[in-house]
Protein backbone atom coordinates (compact mmCIF):
# COMPACT_ATOMS: atom_id res chain seq x y z
CA MET A 1 -11.03 -7.54 25.14
CA SER A 2 -9.69 -3.61 24.13
CA THR A 3 -11.08 -2.24 21.16
CA LYS A 4 -8.08 -0.16 20.84
CA PHE A 5 -4.74 0.12 19.84
CA ILE A 6 -1.65 1.68 18.35
CA ALA A 7 -1.68 2.07 14.24
CA ALA A 8 1.84 3.30 12.06
CA VAL A 9 2.44 4.71 9.05
CA VAL A 10 6.28 4.20 7.57
CA GLN A 11 6.68 7.24 5.87
CA ALA A 12 10.36 6.32 4.30
CA SER A 13 12.10 5.64 1.12
CA PRO A 14 13.50 2.23 0.35
CA VAL A 15 17.00 1.68 -0.81
CA LEU A 16 16.24 2.02 -4.51
CA PHE A 17 17.08 -0.65 -6.91
CA ASP A 18 18.88 -2.66 -3.92
CA LEU A 19 16.80 -5.77 -2.40
CA GLU A 20 19.31 -6.77 0.48
CA LYS A 21 19.72 -3.16 1.93
CA THR A 22 15.66 -2.39 1.29
CA LEU A 23 14.98 -5.50 3.66
CA ALA A 24 17.72 -4.19 6.40
CA LYS A 25 15.95 -0.80 6.33
CA THR A 26 12.55 -2.35 6.40
CA ALA A 27 13.95 -4.57 9.30
CA HIS A 28 14.89 -1.50 11.17
CA LEU A 29 11.81 0.68 10.10
CA VAL A 30 9.37 -2.01 11.74
CA THR A 31 11.18 -2.73 15.31
CA GLU A 32 11.25 1.74 15.03
CA ALA A 33 7.00 1.48 14.82
CA ALA A 34 7.03 -1.38 17.21
CA SER A 35 9.03 0.65 19.73
CA LYS A 36 6.20 3.21 19.37
CA GLY A 37 3.32 0.72 20.56
CA ALA A 38 2.29 -0.32 16.89
CA LYS A 39 0.32 -3.46 16.47
CA LEU A 40 -0.37 -2.40 12.75
CA ALA A 41 2.49 -1.31 10.73
CA LEU A 42 1.71 0.28 6.76
CA PHE A 43 4.51 0.71 4.09
CA PRO A 44 4.31 2.60 1.06
CA GLU A 45 3.37 1.60 -2.49
CA ALA A 46 6.42 -0.50 -3.94
CA PHE A 47 8.67 -0.34 -1.19
CA ILE A 48 10.32 -2.89 -2.14
CA SER A 49 12.58 -1.92 -3.72
CA ALA A 50 11.15 1.25 -5.49
CA TYR A 51 8.66 3.23 -6.89
CA PRO A 52 10.34 3.95 -10.31
CA ARG A 53 9.40 7.85 -10.69
CA GLY A 54 10.62 10.15 -13.18
CA LEU A 55 11.74 6.73 -15.34
CA SER A 56 11.11 6.03 -18.85
CA PHE A 57 12.87 2.46 -19.12
CA GLY A 58 13.72 3.80 -22.70
CA THR A 59 10.34 3.56 -24.12
CA VAL A 60 8.61 5.67 -26.47
CA VAL A 61 5.47 4.62 -28.76
CA GLY A 62 6.71 2.07 -31.19
CA SER A 63 9.98 1.72 -29.56
CA ARG A 64 12.19 0.75 -26.70
CA SER A 65 16.19 1.02 -26.32
CA ALA A 66 18.66 -1.13 -24.99
CA GLU A 67 19.54 1.10 -22.35
CA GLY A 68 15.98 0.89 -21.02
CA ARG A 69 15.78 -2.60 -21.09
CA GLU A 70 19.13 -2.98 -18.46
CA THR A 71 17.20 -0.31 -16.52
CA TRP A 72 13.75 -2.78 -16.70
CA LEU A 73 16.36 -5.87 -15.55
CA ARG A 74 18.00 -3.79 -12.80
CA TYR A 75 14.21 -3.15 -11.43
CA TRP A 76 13.57 -6.65 -12.24
CA ASN A 77 16.08 -7.99 -9.90
CA SER A 78 15.37 -5.60 -6.93
CA SER A 79 11.53 -7.08 -6.44
CA ILE A 80 10.61 -10.25 -5.06
CA GLU A 81 8.52 -13.57 -5.63
CA VAL A 82 5.78 -14.38 -3.52
CA PRO A 83 6.12 -16.45 -1.38
CA SER A 84 10.48 -16.00 -1.06
CA LYS A 85 12.99 -16.08 1.17
CA ALA A 86 12.29 -12.13 1.25
CA THR A 87 8.47 -12.61 2.53
CA ALA A 88 9.90 -15.24 4.94
CA GLN A 89 12.02 -12.39 5.99
CA LEU A 90 9.24 -9.78 5.98
CA GLY A 91 7.30 -12.57 8.09
CA GLU A 92 10.05 -13.06 10.52
CA MET A 93 10.07 -8.77 11.23
CA ALA A 94 6.43 -9.17 11.90
CA ARG A 95 6.84 -11.97 14.64
CA LYS A 96 9.76 -10.12 16.51
CA ALA A 97 7.52 -6.86 16.08
CA ASP A 98 4.56 -8.52 17.20
CA LEU A 99 2.13 -6.64 14.71
CA PHE A 100 0.73 -6.79 11.48
CA LEU A 101 2.81 -5.73 8.94
CA VAL A 102 1.23 -4.83 5.51
CA ILE A 103 4.03 -3.28 3.01
CA GLY A 104 3.85 -2.71 -1.20
CA VAL A 105 6.27 -4.77 -3.02
CA ASN A 106 6.89 -5.16 -6.58
CA GLU A 107 5.98 -8.89 -7.08
CA LYS A 108 7.74 -10.75 -10.08
CA ASP A 109 5.67 -13.76 -11.48
CA THR A 110 9.23 -15.91 -12.55
CA VAL A 111 6.96 -17.97 -15.11
CA SER A 112 5.63 -15.11 -17.08
CA GLY A 113 8.32 -12.47 -16.79
CA THR A 114 5.18 -10.19 -15.45
CA MET A 115 5.62 -7.93 -12.69
CA TYR A 116 2.70 -6.79 -10.24
CA CYS A 117 2.24 -4.12 -8.34
CA THR A 118 0.87 -6.02 -4.73
CA MET A 119 0.43 -5.06 -0.94
CA LEU A 120 1.09 -8.17 0.91
CA TYR A 121 -0.21 -8.81 4.37
CA PHE A 122 1.95 -10.34 7.26
CA ASN A 123 0.39 -11.37 11.40
CA PRO A 124 2.38 -11.20 14.17
CA LYS A 125 2.95 -15.04 14.03
CA GLY A 126 5.07 -13.90 11.06
CA GLU A 127 2.38 -15.23 8.73
CA LEU A 128 2.01 -14.77 5.03
CA LEU A 129 -1.76 -14.07 5.14
CA GLY A 130 -2.78 -12.87 1.68
CA LYS A 131 -1.81 -10.56 -1.34
CA HIS A 132 -3.83 -7.69 -2.90
CA ARG A 133 -2.72 -6.93 -6.53
CA LYS A 134 -3.31 -3.75 -8.22
CA LEU A 135 -6.02 -3.93 -10.67
CA LYS A 136 -5.27 -1.25 -12.95
CA PRO A 137 -1.47 0.37 -13.01
CA THR A 138 -1.60 4.22 -13.88
CA ALA A 139 -0.39 5.73 -17.66
CA ALA A 140 3.16 4.69 -17.75
CA GLU A 141 2.74 2.33 -15.22
CA ARG A 142 1.16 -0.30 -17.50
CA ILE A 143 4.83 -0.61 -19.02
CA VAL A 144 6.15 -1.94 -15.72
CA TRP A 145 3.13 -3.86 -14.14
CA GLY A 146 0.37 -6.34 -14.80
CA GLU A 147 -3.22 -6.27 -14.09
CA GLY A 148 -4.70 -8.27 -11.14
CA ASP A 149 -7.16 -9.86 -11.69
CA GLY A 150 -9.59 -9.32 -8.97
CA SER A 151 -8.91 -12.48 -7.59
CA THR A 152 -7.04 -10.67 -4.65
CA LEU A 153 -9.53 -7.86 -3.73
CA SER A 154 -9.37 -9.44 0.06
CA THR A 155 -10.19 -8.55 3.23
CA PHE A 156 -8.72 -10.05 6.82
CA ASN A 157 -10.60 -10.19 9.68
CA THR A 158 -8.34 -9.36 12.64
CA PRO A 159 -8.39 -9.01 16.50
CA LEU A 160 -7.45 -5.31 15.51
CA GLY A 161 -10.23 -4.77 13.25
CA LYS A 162 -11.60 -6.37 9.45
CA MET A 163 -8.21 -4.70 7.19
CA GLY A 164 -8.11 -4.59 3.77
CA GLY A 165 -7.60 -2.02 0.78
CA LEU A 166 -6.55 -0.53 -2.32
CA ILE A 167 -3.54 0.87 -3.98
CA CYS A 168 -2.83 4.42 -5.03
CA TRP A 169 -5.26 5.55 -7.88
CA GLU A 170 -7.34 1.68 -7.32
CA ASN A 171 -9.09 4.20 -4.73
CA TYR A 172 -10.74 6.53 -7.55
CA MET A 173 -12.74 3.34 -8.89
CA PRO A 174 -15.90 3.39 -6.89
CA LEU A 175 -16.67 -0.06 -7.54
CA ALA A 176 -13.10 -1.46 -6.12
CA ARG A 177 -14.03 0.84 -3.25
CA MET A 178 -17.54 -1.05 -3.36
CA ALA A 179 -16.10 -4.51 -3.48
CA MET A 180 -14.14 -3.17 -0.08
CA TYR A 181 -17.07 -2.28 1.32
CA GLN A 182 -19.16 -5.03 0.59
CA LYS A 183 -16.44 -6.99 2.68
CA GLY A 184 -17.19 -4.63 5.88
CA VAL A 185 -13.71 -3.31 5.64
CA GLN A 186 -12.78 -1.37 9.20
CA LEU A 187 -9.17 -0.55 8.58
CA TYR A 188 -8.82 1.06 4.84
CA LEU A 189 -5.18 0.33 4.20
CA ALA A 190 -3.85 3.03 0.81
CA PRO A 191 -0.76 2.99 -0.10
CA THR A 192 -0.21 5.49 -2.78
CA ALA A 193 3.06 7.25 -4.58
CA ASP A 194 0.52 9.96 -5.37
CA SER A 195 1.88 13.17 -2.87
CA ARG A 196 -0.49 15.90 -3.85
CA GLU A 197 -2.35 17.54 -1.49
CA ASN A 198 -5.76 16.56 -3.15
CA TRP A 199 -5.13 12.78 -2.31
CA GLN A 200 -5.90 13.99 1.15
CA HIS A 201 -9.40 15.00 0.03
CA THR A 202 -9.77 11.65 -1.58
CA LEU A 203 -8.61 9.94 1.69
CA LYS A 204 -11.41 12.13 3.49
CA HIS A 205 -13.65 10.67 1.51
CA ILE A 206 -13.67 6.96 1.75
CA ALA A 207 -13.18 7.43 5.37
CA LEU A 208 -16.75 9.39 5.41
CA GLU A 209 -17.73 7.22 2.99
CA GLY A 210 -17.04 3.40 3.99
CA ARG A 211 -17.41 4.75 7.67
CA CYS A 212 -14.22 2.93 8.39
CA PHE A 213 -10.34 4.08 9.45
CA VAL A 214 -8.28 5.34 6.68
CA ILE A 215 -4.54 4.41 6.83
CA GLY A 216 -2.60 6.14 4.24
CA CYS A 217 1.08 6.10 3.32
CA ASN A 218 3.67 7.29 0.87
CA GLN A 219 7.36 7.59 0.22
CA PHE A 220 9.64 10.71 0.81
CA VAL A 221 11.81 10.35 -1.69
CA THR A 222 14.53 13.07 -3.30
CA LYS A 223 16.67 12.48 -6.60
CA SER A 224 19.81 11.98 -4.97
CA MET A 225 18.47 8.53 -2.97
CA TYR A 226 18.52 7.12 -6.87
CA PRO A 227 21.75 5.02 -7.42
CA LYS A 228 24.19 6.86 -9.68
CA ASP A 229 25.36 4.17 -11.89
CA LEU A 230 21.38 3.40 -12.96
CA PRO A 231 21.31 2.82 -16.68
CA GLY A 232 18.61 5.37 -16.83
CA ILE A 233 19.34 7.78 -14.68
CA THR A 234 19.42 10.23 -17.10
CA ASP A 235 15.41 10.44 -17.00
CA LEU A 236 15.70 12.58 -13.96
CA ASP A 237 17.74 15.38 -15.60
CA HIS A 238 14.76 17.52 -15.50
CA GLN A 239 13.15 16.28 -12.07
CA PRO A 240 12.90 18.52 -9.05
CA GLU A 241 15.47 17.12 -6.39
CA VAL A 242 12.13 16.08 -3.94
CA MET A 243 10.01 13.99 -6.43
CA SER A 244 7.13 12.45 -3.60
CA ARG A 245 6.66 14.83 -0.56
CA GLY A 246 4.85 12.53 1.04
CA GLY A 247 1.67 13.16 3.42
CA SER A 248 1.15 10.06 5.00
CA VAL A 249 -2.23 10.29 7.33
CA ILE A 250 -4.75 8.38 9.43
CA MET A 251 -8.15 9.55 9.67
CA ALA A 252 -11.26 8.44 11.61
CA PRO A 253 -14.47 7.54 10.12
CA THR A 254 -15.80 10.71 10.96
CA GLY A 255 -12.81 12.07 8.35
CA GLU A 256 -11.07 13.82 11.31
CA VAL A 257 -7.49 13.65 10.85
CA LEU A 258 -5.33 11.82 13.31
CA ALA A 259 -2.10 12.28 12.68
CA GLY A 260 -0.50 13.29 9.60
CA PRO A 261 -0.24 14.88 6.94
CA LEU A 262 3.47 14.35 7.18
CA TRP A 263 5.27 16.28 4.77
CA ASP A 264 8.71 16.64 3.46
CA GLU A 265 10.65 14.19 5.32
CA GLU A 266 11.13 10.60 7.02
CA GLY A 267 9.13 9.77 9.86
CA ILE A 268 6.40 7.41 11.41
CA LEU A 269 2.97 8.69 12.50
CA THR A 270 1.15 6.74 15.05
CA ALA A 271 -2.24 7.20 15.96
CA GLU A 272 -4.79 5.08 18.60
CA ILE A 273 -7.83 3.52 16.74
CA ASP A 274 -10.79 2.57 18.27
CA ILE A 275 -12.59 0.01 16.06
CA GLU A 276 -15.80 0.77 17.83
CA GLU A 277 -15.85 4.07 16.13
CA VAL A 278 -16.83 2.26 13.26
CA MET A 279 -20.00 0.98 14.03
CA LYS A 280 -20.82 4.22 15.79
CA ASN A 281 -20.69 6.21 13.02
CA LYS A 282 -22.70 3.57 10.74
CA LEU A 283 -25.66 5.00 12.85
CA ASP A 284 -26.00 7.63 9.98
CA PHE A 285 -24.49 6.00 7.23
CA ASP A 286 -23.59 2.31 6.22
CA PRO A 287 -22.65 1.91 2.05
CA VAL A 288 -23.74 -1.58 2.06
CA GLY A 289 -26.60 -1.71 4.67
CA HIS A 290 -29.31 0.65 5.77
CA TYR A 291 -28.07 3.33 3.35
CA ALA A 292 -28.08 1.26 0.77
CA ARG A 293 -30.80 0.44 -2.05
CA ASN A 294 -29.96 -3.44 -3.05
CA ASP A 295 -33.67 -3.15 -4.85
CA VAL A 296 -31.87 -0.68 -7.25
CA PHE A 297 -28.12 -1.26 -7.61
CA SER A 298 -26.21 -4.51 -7.16
CA LEU A 299 -22.56 -5.68 -7.59
CA THR A 300 -21.01 -8.86 -8.36
CA VAL A 301 -16.89 -8.98 -8.23
CA LYS A 302 -15.65 -11.99 -10.30
CA ASP A 303 -13.60 -14.15 -8.83
CA GLN A 304 -14.02 -12.13 -5.19
CA PRO A 305 -12.42 -13.95 -1.94
CA ASP A 306 -14.31 -14.77 0.96
CA SER A 307 -13.33 -12.90 3.62
CA GLU A 308 -10.70 -14.63 6.01
CA VAL A 309 -10.03 -15.14 9.83
CA PHE A 310 -7.20 -14.79 11.30
CA GLU A 311 -6.28 -14.42 15.19
C-alpha cells in the first residue's frame, strides 16, 4: 500500500451569513480539490458560514444593543447543528469526491443556545467521524463561541495516517499541542483566522516540535463580501478592504514548506504527503517518546477520547 497521497488546503471565503449558498460553494470546492488528486481536503476555521471578523454584535462592557442581537440571530441562522441535514450534505460531498473532508463550522447547540467553533471530520464513505470544539475562543470571540470541554481532542487512525488538530490560537497552548502529540498525530490540521506572517512561524514550530505534517488553512476575505443588509455592517466602516489575506500552507516534519503560503487570493494548494517522513524524522526527536522525560513531566487530559480507527 502506498504511503503517499495528495493533500489539499482550500483557501476561500464562504458566502458570508448564507448557509445554503455556502454549502453549494463548498461542494464546488470539494470537487475541485478532488480533481487535483486530493485524498484529504482541509477548509478554514468557521467556513460555514462566516468568521465574524470586524463585528461587535453591539457589545461593549456592560451593555448590548438591539441591532447587535439581530446580527447575532443572522449569524446563528447561518450556522449548523451536528449532526443535521447540513452535515449529511457535507458527508455526501466527501463520498462523491472520495476523500477525507475536514472543515471548520459554527456549531449551534439548539438546546443551550450556545455556539461552538468546531472542526468536523468526514471519511470517503461520507461518514461523520467526529468533531473538535475549540477549547478557548480568543478575546472578543468569547462573545459568540462557547468553550469546548476537552472531550473532543480527537485523532483518527486512517489509511492516510493519524489525523487530528487544533483550531487557530489553540495552537499557542503548549499542553493542547502536547495532548495531540500524545495521541501520535501525524497529519496535524490547523484551520485558522490568523493571517499574520508570524503565524507561519507557529506552524513551522509545530511541524518541527511534533515531527508531523502541518496543514494550515485560512480564508481570503474582503469587506465587500459581507452582505450589505447585515444589521451590524457599520462596524466595518473603518476596516480595510482586505480583511484576511489568507496564508494557507502545507509543511513537512522537517519544517520545509511544501506548498504556499498563499496570499491575497482564493485558491487550492496541494502537496504530496509521504507519511513515512514522519517516522524518519523521529530518529532524532520525538516529543512523547525517546526525547521525553516521563520521570520528570507528565500530562493528564481530562475526558480525552481514545484514538479511533477508520478504514
